[in-house]
Amino acid sequence: MVATFSDPNSVCATAQPGTTAATYDVSVTQLATVQQNIGTSLGGSGRKYSTVV
């Protein structure tokens, strides 16, 4: 099962066909973050760049 959702107060999960309907305990083992860097290239060419990590 993989759970993903953009609301920090909620979780949404999908299961494979045939999964037994039941109540499951969910443990969060890792939180994802995003970082975006925007600036001028270090090469001095004046080109702009944007990187999403």
C-alpha atoms as a PDB file:
ATOM      1  CA  MET A   1       0.000   0.000   0.000  1.00  0.00           C
ATOM      2  CA  VAL A   2       1.242   3.480  -0.825  1.00  0.00           C
ATOM      3  CA  ALA A   3      -0.266   6.527   0.839  1.00  0.00           C
ATOM      4  CA  THR A   4       0.051  10.023  -0.581  1.00  0.00           C
ATOM      5  CA  PHE A   5      -1.827  13.270  -0.105  1.00  0.00           C
ATOM      6  CA  SER A   6      -1.019  16.982  -0.264  1.00  0.00           C
ATOM      7  CA  ASP A   7      -3.062  17.972   2.815  1.00  0.00           C
ATOM      8  CA  PRO A   8      -0.691  17.812   5.830  1.00  0.00           C
ATOM      9  CA  ASN A   9      -3.591  16.840   8.109  1.00  0.00           C
ATOM     10  CA  SER A  10      -4.894  13.962   5.993  1.00  0.00           C
ATOM     11  CA  VAL A  11      -3.800  10.737   4.400  1.00  0.00           C
ATOM     12  CA  CYS A  12      -5.221   8.947   1.374  1.00  0.00           C
ATOM     13  CA  ALA A  13      -4.302   5.363   0.539  1.00  0.00           C
ATOM     14  CA  THR A  14      -5.023   2.952  -2.294  1.00  0.00           C
ATOM     15  CA  ALA A  15      -4.861  -0.824  -2.114  1.00  0.00           C
ATOM     16  CA  GLN A  16      -4.597  -3.620  -4.639  1.00  0.00           C
ATOM     17  CA  PRO A  17      -7.723  -5.457  -5.825  1.00  0.00           C
ATOM     18  CA  GLY A  18      -8.613  -8.286  -3.472  1.00  0.00           C
ATOM     19  CA  THR A  19      -7.419  -6.482  -0.345  1.00  0.00           C
ATOM     20  CA  THR A  20      -9.563  -7.328   2.660  1.00  0.00           C
ATOM     21  CA  ALA A  21     -11.779  -4.495   3.876  1.00  0.00           C
ATOM     22  CA  ALA A  22     -10.694  -3.738   7.432  1.00  0.00           C
ATOM     23  CA  THR A  23      -9.349  -1.080   9.764  1.00  0.00           C
ATOM     24  CA  TYR A  24      -5.601  -0.618   9.431  1.00  0.00           C
ATOM     25  CA  ASP A  25      -3.082   1.188  11.633  1.00  0.00           C
ATOM     26  CA  VAL A  26      -0.940   3.661   9.696  1.00  0.00           C
ATOM     27  CA  SER A  27       2.587   4.622  10.744  1.00  0.00           C
ATOM     28  CA  VAL A  28       4.394   7.544   9.104  1.00  0.00           C
ATOM     29  CA  THR A  29       8.042   6.584   8.634  1.00  0.00           C
ATOM     30  CA  GLN A  30       9.218   9.409   6.381  1.00  0.00           C
ATOM     31  CA  LEU A  31       7.990  12.875   5.454  1.00  0.00           C
ATOM     32  CA  ALA A  32       8.727  14.368   2.057  1.00  0.00           C
ATOM     33  CA  THR A  33       9.759  17.965   1.463  1.00  0.00           C
ATOM     34  CA  VAL A  34      10.306  19.981  -1.672  1.00  0.00           C
ATOM     35  CA  GLN A  35      12.923  22.615  -2.290  1.00  0.00           C
ATOM     36  CA  GLN A  36      13.121  24.999  -5.234  1.00  0.00           C
ATOM     37  CA  ASN A  37      16.254  26.991  -6.005  1.00  0.00           C
ATOM     38  CA  ILE A  38      16.011  29.921  -8.425  1.00  0.00           C
ATOM     39  CA  GLY A  39      18.976  32.102  -9.328  1.00  0.00           C
ATOM     40  CA  THR A  40      21.658  32.996 -11.829  1.00  0.00           C
ATOM     41  CA  SER A  41      24.000  30.349 -13.196  1.00  0.00           C
ATOM     42  CA  LEU A  42      27.411  30.320 -11.501  1.00  0.00           C
ATOM     43  CA  GLY A  43      29.021  30.400 -14.951  1.00  0.00           C
ATOM     44  CA  GLY A  44      28.262  34.122 -15.137  1.00  0.00           C
ATOM     45  CA  SER A  45      26.430  33.831 -18.447  1.00  0.00           C
ATOM     46  CA  GLY A  46      23.373  35.519 -16.993  1.00  0.00           C
ATOM     47  CA  ARG A  47      21.203  32.471 -17.681  1.00  0.00           C
ATOM     48  CA  LYS A  48      18.488  31.788 -15.136  1.00  0.00           C
ATOM     49  CA  TYR A  49      17.877  28.328 -13.781  1.00  0.00           C
ATOM     50  CA  SER A  50      15.265  26.641 -11.620  1.00  0.00           C
ATOM     51  CA  THR A  51      15.828  23.365  -9.821  1.00  0.00           C
ATOM     52  CA  VAL A  52      13.207  21.381  -7.915  1.00  0.00           C
ATOM     53  CA  VAL A  53      14.650  18.755  -5.599  1.00  0.00           C
END
